[in-house]
């Protein structure tokens, strides 16, 4: 398992342009891979990178890393919605609301 961790640390530092086939590019950029270890970098390795590079996963990680910021943003959005609803309520006269 330490071999896999070693390759993951190397892959983590690789700079890849975001285009199609990013998993193949990452595998190509990882250096110092012995032939016997290439079996570790199979489809499971590609699935691992696809999962870790997906938007929902990255957003979930940011929320886990910064829960206070996420909560603050939700509170601000609710506040903006409340102010918008208040002004909308003030603009609509009472006689038009009741029919």
Protein backbone atom coordinates (compact mmCIF):
# COMPACT_ATOMS: atom_id res chain seq x y z
CA UNK A 1 0.00 0.00 0.00
CA UNK A 2 2.94 2.34 0.57
CA UNK A 3 3.75 2.05 -3.15
CA UNK A 4 0.28 3.31 -4.05
CA UNK A 5 0.62 6.21 -1.60
CA UNK A 6 3.98 7.09 -3.15
CA UNK A 7 2.43 7.28 -6.63
CA UNK A 8 -0.55 9.25 -5.36
CA UNK A 9 1.77 11.86 -3.85
CA UNK A 10 3.62 12.12 -7.17
CA UNK A 11 0.33 12.40 -9.08
CA UNK A 12 -0.97 15.05 -6.70
CA UNK A 13 1.83 17.41 -7.75
CA UNK A 14 1.34 16.87 -11.50
CA UNK A 15 0.03 19.88 -13.43
CA UNK A 16 -2.44 18.81 -16.10
CA UNK A 17 -4.48 20.97 -18.46
CA UNK A 18 -8.21 20.25 -17.92
CA UNK A 19 -9.27 18.50 -21.12
CA UNK A 20 -10.72 15.14 -22.00
CA UNK A 21 -8.80 12.04 -20.93
CA UNK A 22 -7.24 13.69 -17.90
CA UNK A 23 -6.74 10.33 -16.19
CA UNK A 24 -4.56 9.07 -19.04
CA UNK A 25 -2.53 12.28 -18.98
CA UNK A 26 -1.95 11.95 -15.26
CA UNK A 27 -0.78 8.37 -15.65
CA UNK A 28 1.54 9.49 -18.47
CA UNK A 29 2.99 12.28 -16.31
CA UNK A 30 3.70 10.10 -13.29
CA UNK A 31 7.39 9.33 -13.41
CA UNK A 32 9.48 6.61 -11.82
CA UNK A 33 6.91 3.88 -12.40
CA UNK A 34 8.39 0.45 -12.60
CA UNK A 35 6.87 -2.00 -15.05
CA UNK A 36 5.74 -4.28 -12.23
CA UNK A 37 3.82 -1.37 -10.66
CA UNK A 38 1.94 -0.36 -13.80
CA UNK A 39 -0.70 -2.93 -12.86
CA UNK A 40 -1.64 -0.69 -9.94
CA UNK A 41 -2.58 2.11 -12.32
CA UNK A 42 -5.48 0.32 -13.96
CA UNK A 43 -9.14 1.27 -14.44
CA UNK A 44 -9.65 1.52 -10.67
CA UNK A 45 -7.00 4.23 -10.59
CA UNK A 46 -8.82 6.10 -13.38
CA UNK A 47 -12.14 5.78 -11.56
CA UNK A 48 -10.47 7.15 -8.43
CA UNK A 49 -9.28 10.24 -10.33
CA UNK A 50 -12.65 10.73 -12.05
CA UNK A 51 -14.40 10.68 -8.68
CA UNK A 52 -11.91 13.02 -7.02
CA UNK A 53 -12.01 15.52 -9.90
CA UNK A 54 -15.80 15.70 -10.18
CA UNK A 55 -17.55 18.96 -9.26
CA UNK A 56 -19.92 17.46 -6.64
CA UNK A 57 -17.00 15.79 -4.86
CA UNK A 58 -14.91 18.98 -4.88
CA UNK A 59 -17.83 21.08 -3.60
CA UNK A 60 -18.47 18.52 -0.85
CA UNK A 61 -14.81 18.66 0.17
CA UNK A 62 -14.87 22.47 0.31
CA UNK A 63 -17.99 22.35 2.49
CA UNK A 64 -16.32 19.82 4.80
CA UNK A 65 -13.14 21.90 5.00
CA UNK A 66 -14.92 25.24 5.56
CA UNK A 67 -18.34 24.62 7.17
CA UNK A 68 -18.50 28.11 8.71
CA UNK A 69 -18.07 29.81 5.34
CA UNK A 70 -20.76 27.62 3.81
CA UNK A 71 -23.16 28.38 6.68
CA UNK A 72 -22.43 32.10 6.37
CA UNK A 73 -23.17 31.99 2.63
CA UNK A 74 -26.50 30.22 3.25
CA UNK A 75 -27.46 32.81 5.89
CA UNK A 76 -26.56 35.66 3.52
CA UNK A 77 -28.64 34.11 0.71
CA UNK A 78 -31.63 33.71 3.03
CA UNK A 79 -31.18 37.34 4.14
CA UNK A 80 -31.10 38.57 0.54
CA UNK A 81 -34.24 36.58 -0.22
CA UNK A 82 -35.97 38.02 2.87
CA UNK A 83 -35.08 41.62 1.89
CA UNK A 84 -36.30 40.97 -1.65
CA UNK A 85 -39.58 39.54 -0.33
CA UNK A 86 -40.00 42.52 2.03
CA UNK A 87 -39.55 45.06 -0.77
CA UNK A 88 -41.86 43.08 -3.02
CA UNK A 89 -44.44 43.08 -0.24
CA UNK A 90 -44.13 46.85 0.09
CA UNK A 91 -44.54 47.42 -3.66
CA UNK A 92 -47.76 45.44 -4.04
CA UNK A 93 -50.65 47.50 -2.60
CA UNK A 94 -52.97 45.81 -0.08
CA UNK A 95 -56.06 46.09 -2.30
CA UNK A 96 -54.37 44.20 -5.19
CA UNK A 97 -53.30 41.34 -2.91
CA UNK A 98 -56.80 40.66 -1.57
CA UNK A 99 -58.42 40.49 -4.98
